[in-house]
C-alpha cells in the first residue's frame, strides 16, 4: 500500500482529535533542554515510552505512546518539508504540537509541555475549535 500525504494527514489529525483535549498547561516559561534528535525509537526511549507503531513508511513513522504524563502521538519524518506539511495540515484539527528537527509529538497541553522538559523543541498550537457562537 502506498502511503500518501493526505492519508498521513488524516491519520495524524485523527490521532490529534483522539488525544488532544483540554489539558492543564504550564506557562511555557521554563527553559527547555537542547532539542533531541534521533529515530522514533530513540526519542520514545528518552521519554520512557514503548511506541505502538501505527505508520511505518519511507517518509513518516508514527506511533502512539503512553508515558507517565499521558498518551501522545510521536512521529518522525524523512524531510523537514514533509514534517512542516504534515504539521500545517494537522494543525487545522487543533491540538498541541511539540516540534523538533524531523519529529513531532502531539497530545494535550500538559503532556506536550511535560515532554518539552525532556525532548526540548518548540510548542505550536493548532486551531481552537472550542469557541462556539450562537
C-alpha atoms as a PDB file:
ATOM      1  CA  UNK A   1       0.000   0.000   0.000  1.00  0.00           C
ATOM      2  CA  UNK A   2       1.394   3.403  -0.953  1.00  0.00           C
ATOM      3  CA  UNK A   3       1.097   5.978   1.822  1.00  0.00           C
ATOM      4  CA  UNK A   4       0.217   9.464   0.585  1.00  0.00           C
ATOM      5  CA  UNK A   5       0.486  12.790   2.399  1.00  0.00           C
ATOM      6  CA  UNK A   6      -3.299  13.233   2.598  1.00  0.00           C
ATOM      7  CA  UNK A   7      -3.588   9.770   4.144  1.00  0.00           C
ATOM      8  CA  UNK A   8      -0.918  10.639   6.691  1.00  0.00           C
ATOM      9  CA  UNK A   9      -2.514  13.995   7.480  1.00  0.00           C
ATOM     10  CA  UNK A  10      -5.854  12.303   8.097  1.00  0.00           C
ATOM     11  CA  UNK A  11      -4.214   9.683  10.313  1.00  0.00           C
ATOM     12  CA  UNK A  12      -2.367  12.388  12.219  1.00  0.00           C
ATOM     13  CA  UNK A  13      -5.483  14.501  12.549  1.00  0.00           C
ATOM     14  CA  UNK A  14      -7.468  11.538  13.846  1.00  0.00           C
ATOM     15  CA  UNK A  15      -4.772  10.931  16.441  1.00  0.00           C
ATOM     16  CA  UNK A  16      -4.817  14.581  17.448  1.00  0.00           C
ATOM     17  CA  UNK A  17      -8.592  14.550  17.840  1.00  0.00           C
ATOM     18  CA  UNK A  18      -8.417  11.360  19.864  1.00  0.00           C
ATOM     19  CA  UNK A  19      -5.658  12.537  22.158  1.00  0.00           C
ATOM     20  CA  UNK A  20      -5.870  16.340  22.353  1.00  0.00           C
ATOM     21  CA  UNK A  21      -8.185  17.681  24.965  1.00  0.00           C
ATOM     22  CA  UNK A  22      -8.436  20.459  27.445  1.00  0.00           C
ATOM     23  CA  UNK A  23      -5.260  19.969  29.451  1.00  0.00           C
ATOM     24  CA  UNK A  24      -3.962  21.951  32.338  1.00  0.00           C
ATOM     25  CA  UNK A  25      -0.982  23.665  30.810  1.00  0.00           C
ATOM     26  CA  UNK A  26       2.117  25.247  32.156  1.00  0.00           C
ATOM     27  CA  UNK A  27       3.093  28.801  31.478  1.00  0.00           C
ATOM     28  CA  UNK A  28       5.749  27.757  28.979  1.00  0.00           C
ATOM     29  CA  UNK A  29       8.317  29.949  30.751  1.00  0.00           C
ATOM     30  CA  UNK A  30      10.543  27.071  31.828  1.00  0.00           C
ATOM     31  CA  UNK A  31      13.726  26.717  29.818  1.00  0.00           C
ATOM     32  CA  UNK A  32      13.708  23.599  27.676  1.00  0.00           C
ATOM     33  CA  UNK A  33      16.752  21.372  27.207  1.00  0.00           C
ATOM     34  CA  UNK A  34      18.501  21.208  23.831  1.00  0.00           C
ATOM     35  CA  UNK A  35      16.174  19.704  21.244  1.00  0.00           C
ATOM     36  CA  UNK A  36      16.529  15.933  20.974  1.00  0.00           C
ATOM     37  CA  UNK A  37      17.260  14.184  17.690  1.00  0.00           C
ATOM     38  CA  UNK A  38      17.131  10.589  16.560  1.00  0.00           C
ATOM     39  CA  UNK A  39      14.880   7.770  15.474  1.00  0.00           C
ATOM     40  CA  UNK A  40      11.338   7.306  16.691  1.00  0.00           C
ATOM     41  CA  UNK A  41      12.552   4.543  18.998  1.00  0.00           C
ATOM     42  CA  UNK A  42      15.357   6.650  20.487  1.00  0.00           C
ATOM     43  CA  UNK A  43      13.020   9.608  21.106  1.00  0.00           C
ATOM     44  CA  UNK A  44      10.474   7.263  22.698  1.00  0.00           C
ATOM     45  CA  UNK A  45      13.195   5.789  24.910  1.00  0.00           C
ATOM     46  CA  UNK A  46      14.140   9.270  26.138  1.00  0.00           C
ATOM     47  CA  UNK A  47      10.603   9.785  27.427  1.00  0.00           C
ATOM     48  CA  UNK A  48      10.329   6.196  28.666  1.00  0.00           C
ATOM     49  CA  UNK A  49       7.532   5.034  26.396  1.00  0.00           C
ATOM     50  CA  UNK A  50       7.177   1.878  24.354  1.00  0.00           C
ATOM     51  CA  UNK A  51       5.912   3.075  20.959  1.00  0.00           C
ATOM     52  CA  UNK A  52       2.961   1.323  19.328  1.00  0.00           C
ATOM     53  CA  UNK A  53       3.867   1.852  15.656  1.00  0.00           C
ATOM     54  CA  UNK A  54       0.848   2.926  13.587  1.00  0.00           C
ATOM     55  CA  UNK A  55       2.583   4.045  10.364  1.00  0.00           C
ATOM     56  CA  UNK A  56       5.938   2.799   9.099  1.00  0.00           C
ATOM     57  CA  UNK A  57       6.662   4.353   5.701  1.00  0.00           C
ATOM     58  CA  UNK A  58       9.680   5.867   3.975  1.00  0.00           C
ATOM     59  CA  UNK A  59       8.500   9.439   4.616  1.00  0.00           C
ATOM     60  CA  UNK A  60       6.937   9.121   8.078  1.00  0.00           C
ATOM     61  CA  UNK A  61       6.964   6.814  11.072  1.00  0.00           C
ATOM     62  CA  UNK A  62       4.193   7.356  13.574  1.00  0.00           C
ATOM     63  CA  UNK A  63       3.424   5.723  16.902  1.00  0.00           C
ATOM     64  CA  UNK A  64       1.128   6.076  19.866  1.00  0.00           C
ATOM     65  CA  UNK A  65       2.996   6.382  23.143  1.00  0.00           C
ATOM     66  CA  UNK A  66       1.861   6.326  26.731  1.00  0.00           C
ATOM     67  CA  UNK A  67       4.116   7.932  29.258  1.00  0.00           C
ATOM     68  CA  UNK A  68       3.689   8.891  32.876  1.00  0.00           C
ATOM     69  CA  UNK A  69       2.056  12.161  31.755  1.00  0.00           C
ATOM     70  CA  UNK A  70      -0.481  10.576  29.408  1.00  0.00           C
ATOM     71  CA  UNK A  71      -0.915   9.428  25.814  1.00  0.00           C
ATOM     72  CA  UNK A  72       0.573  11.177  22.807  1.00  0.00           C
ATOM     73  CA  UNK A  73       1.459  10.621  19.167  1.00  0.00           C
ATOM     74  CA  UNK A  74       5.128  10.628  18.198  1.00  0.00           C
ATOM     75  CA  UNK A  75       6.068  10.963  14.532  1.00  0.00           C
ATOM     76  CA  UNK A  76       9.389  11.196  12.720  1.00  0.00           C
ATOM     77  CA  UNK A  77       9.862  12.422   9.170  1.00  0.00           C
ATOM     78  CA  UNK A  78      12.435  11.848   6.445  1.00  0.00           C
ATOM     79  CA  UNK A  79      12.460  15.526   5.407  1.00  0.00           C
ATOM     80  CA  UNK A  80      11.929  18.919   7.018  1.00  0.00           C
ATOM     81  CA  UNK A  81       9.478  19.817   4.265  1.00  0.00           C
ATOM     82  CA  UNK A  82       7.399  16.675   4.833  1.00  0.00           C
ATOM     83  CA  UNK A  83       7.288  17.446   8.538  1.00  0.00           C
ATOM     84  CA  UNK A  84       6.143  21.035   8.000  1.00  0.00           C
ATOM     85  CA  UNK A  85       3.439  19.988   5.513  1.00  0.00           C
ATOM     86  CA  UNK A  86       2.149  17.370   7.964  1.00  0.00           C
ATOM     87  CA  UNK A  87       2.077  19.850  10.856  1.00  0.00           C
ATOM     88  CA  UNK A  88       0.397  22.566   8.788  1.00  0.00           C
ATOM     89  CA  UNK A  89      -2.379  20.163   7.723  1.00  0.00           C
ATOM     90  CA  UNK A  90      -2.798  18.545  11.144  1.00  0.00           C
ATOM     91  CA  UNK A  91      -2.971  21.897  12.999  1.00  0.00           C
ATOM     92  CA  UNK A  92      -6.313  22.567  11.303  1.00  0.00           C
ATOM     93  CA  UNK A  93      -7.714  19.923  13.656  1.00  0.00           C
ATOM     94  CA  UNK A  94      -6.484  21.624  16.816  1.00  0.00           C
ATOM     95  CA  UNK A  95      -4.229  20.167  19.450  1.00  0.00           C
ATOM     96  CA  UNK A  96      -0.791  20.853  20.848  1.00  0.00           C
ATOM     97  CA  UNK A  97       2.419  20.031  18.974  1.00  0.00           C
ATOM     98  CA  UNK A  98       5.953  19.720  20.276  1.00  0.00           C
ATOM     99  CA  UNK A  99       8.189  20.211  17.262  1.00  0.00           C
ATOM    100  CA  UNK A 100      11.815  19.163  16.916  1.00  0.00           C
ATOM    101  CA  UNK A 101      14.070  18.555  13.918  1.00  0.00           C
ATOM    102  CA  UNK A 102      12.219  15.966  11.809  1.00  0.00           C
ATOM    103  CA  UNK A 103       9.949  14.882  14.673  1.00  0.00           C
ATOM    104  CA  UNK A 104       6.741  15.983  16.347  1.00  0.00           C
ATOM    105  CA  UNK A 105       4.870  14.899  19.470  1.00  0.00           C
ATOM    106  CA  UNK A 106       1.125  15.572  19.618  1.00  0.00           C
ATOM    107  CA  UNK A 107      -1.025  15.482  22.725  1.00  0.00           C
ATOM    108  CA  UNK A 108      -2.855  17.648  25.175  1.00  0.00           C
ATOM    109  CA  UNK A 109      -1.289  20.794  26.571  1.00  0.00           C
ATOM    110  CA  UNK A 110       0.009  19.205  29.777  1.00  0.00           C
ATOM    111  CA  UNK A 111       1.570  16.222  28.016  1.00  0.00           C
ATOM    112  CA  UNK A 112       3.281  18.370  25.383  1.00  0.00           C
ATOM    113  CA  UNK A 113       4.750  20.711  27.995  1.00  0.00           C
ATOM    114  CA  UNK A 114       5.948  17.754  30.087  1.00  0.00           C
ATOM    115  CA  UNK A 115       7.604  16.195  27.014  1.00  0.00           C
ATOM    116  CA  UNK A 116       9.292  19.518  26.271  1.00  0.00           C
ATOM    117  CA  UNK A 117      11.101  19.203  29.597  1.00  0.00           C
ATOM    118  CA  UNK A 118      12.841  16.077  28.261  1.00  0.00           C
ATOM    119  CA  UNK A 119      12.907  16.455  24.473  1.00  0.00           C
ATOM    120  CA  UNK A 120      13.214  20.221  24.093  1.00  0.00           C
ATOM    121  CA  UNK A 121      11.631  21.587  20.937  1.00  0.00           C
ATOM    122  CA  UNK A 122       9.080  24.302  20.311  1.00  0.00           C
ATOM    123  CA  UNK A 123       5.392  24.185  21.195  1.00  0.00           C
ATOM    124  CA  UNK A 124       2.894  25.002  18.441  1.00  0.00           C
ATOM    125  CA  UNK A 125      -0.860  25.179  18.952  1.00  0.00           C
ATOM    126  CA  UNK A 126      -3.450  24.076  16.409  1.00  0.00           C
ATOM    127  CA  UNK A 127      -6.741  25.749  15.576  1.00  0.00           C
ATOM    128  CA  UNK A 128      -9.064  26.417  18.506  1.00  0.00           C
ATOM    129  CA  UNK A 129     -12.373  24.638  17.948  1.00  0.00           C
ATOM    130  CA  UNK A 130     -13.756  25.320  21.430  1.00  0.00           C
ATOM    131  CA  UNK A 131     -15.177  28.745  20.620  1.00  0.00           C
ATOM    132  CA  UNK A 132     -18.829  28.476  19.655  1.00  0.00           C
ATOM    133  CA  UNK A 133     -21.058  31.277  18.519  1.00  0.00           C
ATOM    134  CA  UNK A 134     -24.753  31.323  18.585  1.00  0.00           C
END
